């Protein structure tokens, strides 16, 4: 079985083309008061780079498509939601 790799045998990267960030879609597993749920409820989108599936870095875009947080940690995303009052009252 052949496995595709973004690296040549020489170890040099050949680059990845047509790689788009994964969009997080709200589903029945998304808690409405989680950072992801709060962002989606207010029309924001949350992206993670699929090349780094275990990375904690995220990009947040507003409803107009402008980047409001780039390469942000989960703590930064939580602070962003809290500052703007996106969470539901408990």
C-alpha atoms as a PDB file:
ATOM      1  CA  UNK A   1       0.000   0.000   0.000  1.00  0.00           C
ATOM      2  CA  UNK A   2       1.365   3.387  -0.994  1.00  0.00           C
ATOM      3  CA  UNK A   3       1.104   6.297   1.420  1.00  0.00           C
ATOM      4  CA  UNK A   4       1.156   9.834   0.067  1.00  0.00           C
ATOM      5  CA  UNK A   5       3.463  12.196   1.858  1.00  0.00           C
ATOM      6  CA  UNK A   6       4.070  15.934   1.457  1.00  0.00           C
ATOM      7  CA  UNK A   7       7.817  15.149   1.620  1.00  0.00           C
ATOM      8  CA  UNK A   8      10.081  13.659  -0.990  1.00  0.00           C
ATOM      9  CA  UNK A   9      12.512  10.916  -0.128  1.00  0.00           C
ATOM     10  CA  UNK A  10      15.176  13.612   0.102  1.00  0.00           C
ATOM     11  CA  UNK A  11      13.262  15.155   2.993  1.00  0.00           C
ATOM     12  CA  UNK A  12      12.419  18.365   1.146  1.00  0.00           C
ATOM     13  CA  UNK A  13       8.840  19.539   1.217  1.00  0.00           C
ATOM     14  CA  UNK A  14       7.097  19.550  -2.156  1.00  0.00           C
ATOM     15  CA  UNK A  15       4.298  21.763  -0.814  1.00  0.00           C
ATOM     16  CA  UNK A  16       0.620  21.067  -0.681  1.00  0.00           C
ATOM     17  CA  UNK A  17      -1.756  22.604  -3.164  1.00  0.00           C
ATOM     18  CA  UNK A  18      -5.503  22.952  -2.900  1.00  0.00           C
ATOM     19  CA  UNK A  19      -5.389  22.499   0.865  1.00  0.00           C
ATOM     20  CA  UNK A  20      -8.172  24.506   2.500  1.00  0.00           C
ATOM     21  CA  UNK A  21      -8.788  25.006   6.209  1.00  0.00           C
ATOM     22  CA  UNK A  22     -11.422  22.735   7.690  1.00  0.00           C
ATOM     23  CA  UNK A  23     -14.654  24.507   8.609  1.00  0.00           C
ATOM     24  CA  UNK A  24     -16.211  23.510  11.888  1.00  0.00           C
ATOM     25  CA  UNK A  25     -19.915  22.992  11.324  1.00  0.00           C
ATOM     26  CA  UNK A  26     -22.369  23.116  14.174  1.00  0.00           C
ATOM     27  CA  UNK A  27     -23.890  19.712  14.750  1.00  0.00           C
ATOM     28  CA  UNK A  28     -25.849  17.961  17.456  1.00  0.00           C
ATOM     29  CA  UNK A  29     -22.619  17.353  19.389  1.00  0.00           C
ATOM     30  CA  UNK A  30     -21.701  21.053  19.648  1.00  0.00           C
ATOM     31  CA  UNK A  31     -22.600  22.432  23.049  1.00  0.00           C
ATOM     32  CA  UNK A  32     -24.350  25.789  22.512  1.00  0.00           C
ATOM     33  CA  UNK A  33     -22.319  27.480  25.240  1.00  0.00           C
ATOM     34  CA  UNK A  34     -18.921  26.186  24.123  1.00  0.00           C
ATOM     35  CA  UNK A  35     -16.578  28.604  22.328  1.00  0.00           C
ATOM     36  CA  UNK A  36     -17.344  26.898  19.026  1.00  0.00           C
ATOM     37  CA  UNK A  37     -21.095  26.978  19.641  1.00  0.00           C
ATOM     38  CA  UNK A  38     -21.006  30.646  20.699  1.00  0.00           C
ATOM     39  CA  UNK A  39     -19.027  31.652  17.607  1.00  0.00           C
ATOM     40  CA  UNK A  40     -21.272  29.731  15.230  1.00  0.00           C
ATOM     41  CA  UNK A  41     -24.416  31.097  16.858  1.00  0.00           C
ATOM     42  CA  UNK A  42     -23.195  34.648  16.171  1.00  0.00           C
ATOM     43  CA  UNK A  43     -22.240  33.935  12.553  1.00  0.00           C
ATOM     44  CA  UNK A  44     -18.480  33.558  13.034  1.00  0.00           C
ATOM     45  CA  UNK A  45     -16.541  30.681  11.487  1.00  0.00           C
ATOM     46  CA  UNK A  46     -13.785  28.682  13.146  1.00  0.00           C
ATOM     47  CA  UNK A  47     -10.997  27.146  11.061  1.00  0.00           C
ATOM     48  CA  UNK A  48      -8.166  24.745  11.810  1.00  0.00           C
ATOM     49  CA  UNK A  49      -5.436  23.930   9.323  1.00  0.00           C
ATOM     50  CA  UNK A  50      -5.945  20.299   8.195  1.00  0.00           C
ATOM     51  CA  UNK A  51      -2.190  19.907   7.708  1.00  0.00           C
ATOM     52  CA  UNK A  52      -1.784  20.104  11.488  1.00  0.00           C
ATOM     53  CA  UNK A  53      -4.700  18.078  12.916  1.00  0.00           C
ATOM     54  CA  UNK A  54      -3.408  18.087  16.506  1.00  0.00           C
ATOM     55  CA  UNK A  55      -2.533  21.767  16.581  1.00  0.00           C
ATOM     56  CA  UNK A  56      -4.380  23.957  19.048  1.00  0.00           C
ATOM     57  CA  UNK A  57      -4.169  26.966  16.736  1.00  0.00           C
ATOM     58  CA  UNK A  58      -7.384  28.345  15.229  1.00  0.00           C
ATOM     59  CA  UNK A  59      -8.460  31.140  12.895  1.00  0.00           C
ATOM     60  CA  UNK A  60     -11.727  32.937  13.601  1.00  0.00           C
ATOM     61  CA  UNK A  61     -13.536  34.911  10.889  1.00  0.00           C
ATOM     62  CA  UNK A  62     -16.446  37.298  11.364  1.00  0.00           C
ATOM     63  CA  UNK A  63     -19.690  37.038   9.337  1.00  0.00           C
ATOM     64  CA  UNK A  64     -18.186  39.300   6.637  1.00  0.00           C
ATOM     65  CA  UNK A  65     -15.244  36.908   6.215  1.00  0.00           C
ATOM     66  CA  UNK A  66     -12.615  39.152   7.854  1.00  0.00           C
ATOM     67  CA  UNK A  67     -10.068  37.454  10.106  1.00  0.00           C
ATOM     68  CA  UNK A  68     -10.561  38.593  13.706  1.00  0.00           C
ATOM     69  CA  UNK A  69      -8.258  36.052  15.377  1.00  0.00           C
ATOM     70  CA  UNK A  70      -5.373  34.395  13.588  1.00  0.00           C
ATOM     71  CA  UNK A  71      -3.328  31.499  14.958  1.00  0.00           C
ATOM     72  CA  UNK A  72      -5.168  31.750  18.291  1.00  0.00           C
ATOM     73  CA  UNK A  73      -5.077  29.292  21.171  1.00  0.00           C
ATOM     74  CA  UNK A  74      -8.246  28.016  22.835  1.00  0.00           C
ATOM     75  CA  UNK A  75      -7.732  30.436  25.734  1.00  0.00           C
ATOM     76  CA  UNK A  76      -7.598  33.360  23.313  1.00  0.00           C
ATOM     77  CA  UNK A  77     -10.797  32.189  21.594  1.00  0.00           C
ATOM     78  CA  UNK A  78     -12.529  31.858  24.985  1.00  0.00           C
ATOM     79  CA  UNK A  79     -11.410  35.372  25.977  1.00  0.00           C
ATOM     80  CA  UNK A  80     -12.674  36.725  22.620  1.00  0.00           C
ATOM     81  CA  UNK A  81     -16.118  35.193  23.209  1.00  0.00           C
ATOM     82  CA  UNK A  82     -16.266  36.403  26.813  1.00  0.00           C
ATOM     83  CA  UNK A  83     -15.250  39.985  25.927  1.00  0.00           C
ATOM     84  CA  UNK A  84     -18.053  40.218  23.368  1.00  0.00           C
ATOM     85  CA  UNK A  85     -20.711  38.580  25.551  1.00  0.00           C
ATOM     86  CA  UNK A  86     -21.286  35.641  23.195  1.00  0.00           C
ATOM     87  CA  UNK A  87     -21.895  33.058  25.896  1.00  0.00           C
ATOM     88  CA  UNK A  88     -25.420  32.247  27.004  1.00  0.00           C
ATOM     89  CA  UNK A  89     -26.342  33.129  30.603  1.00  0.00           C
ATOM     90  CA  UNK A  90     -26.109  30.114  32.859  1.00  0.00           C
END
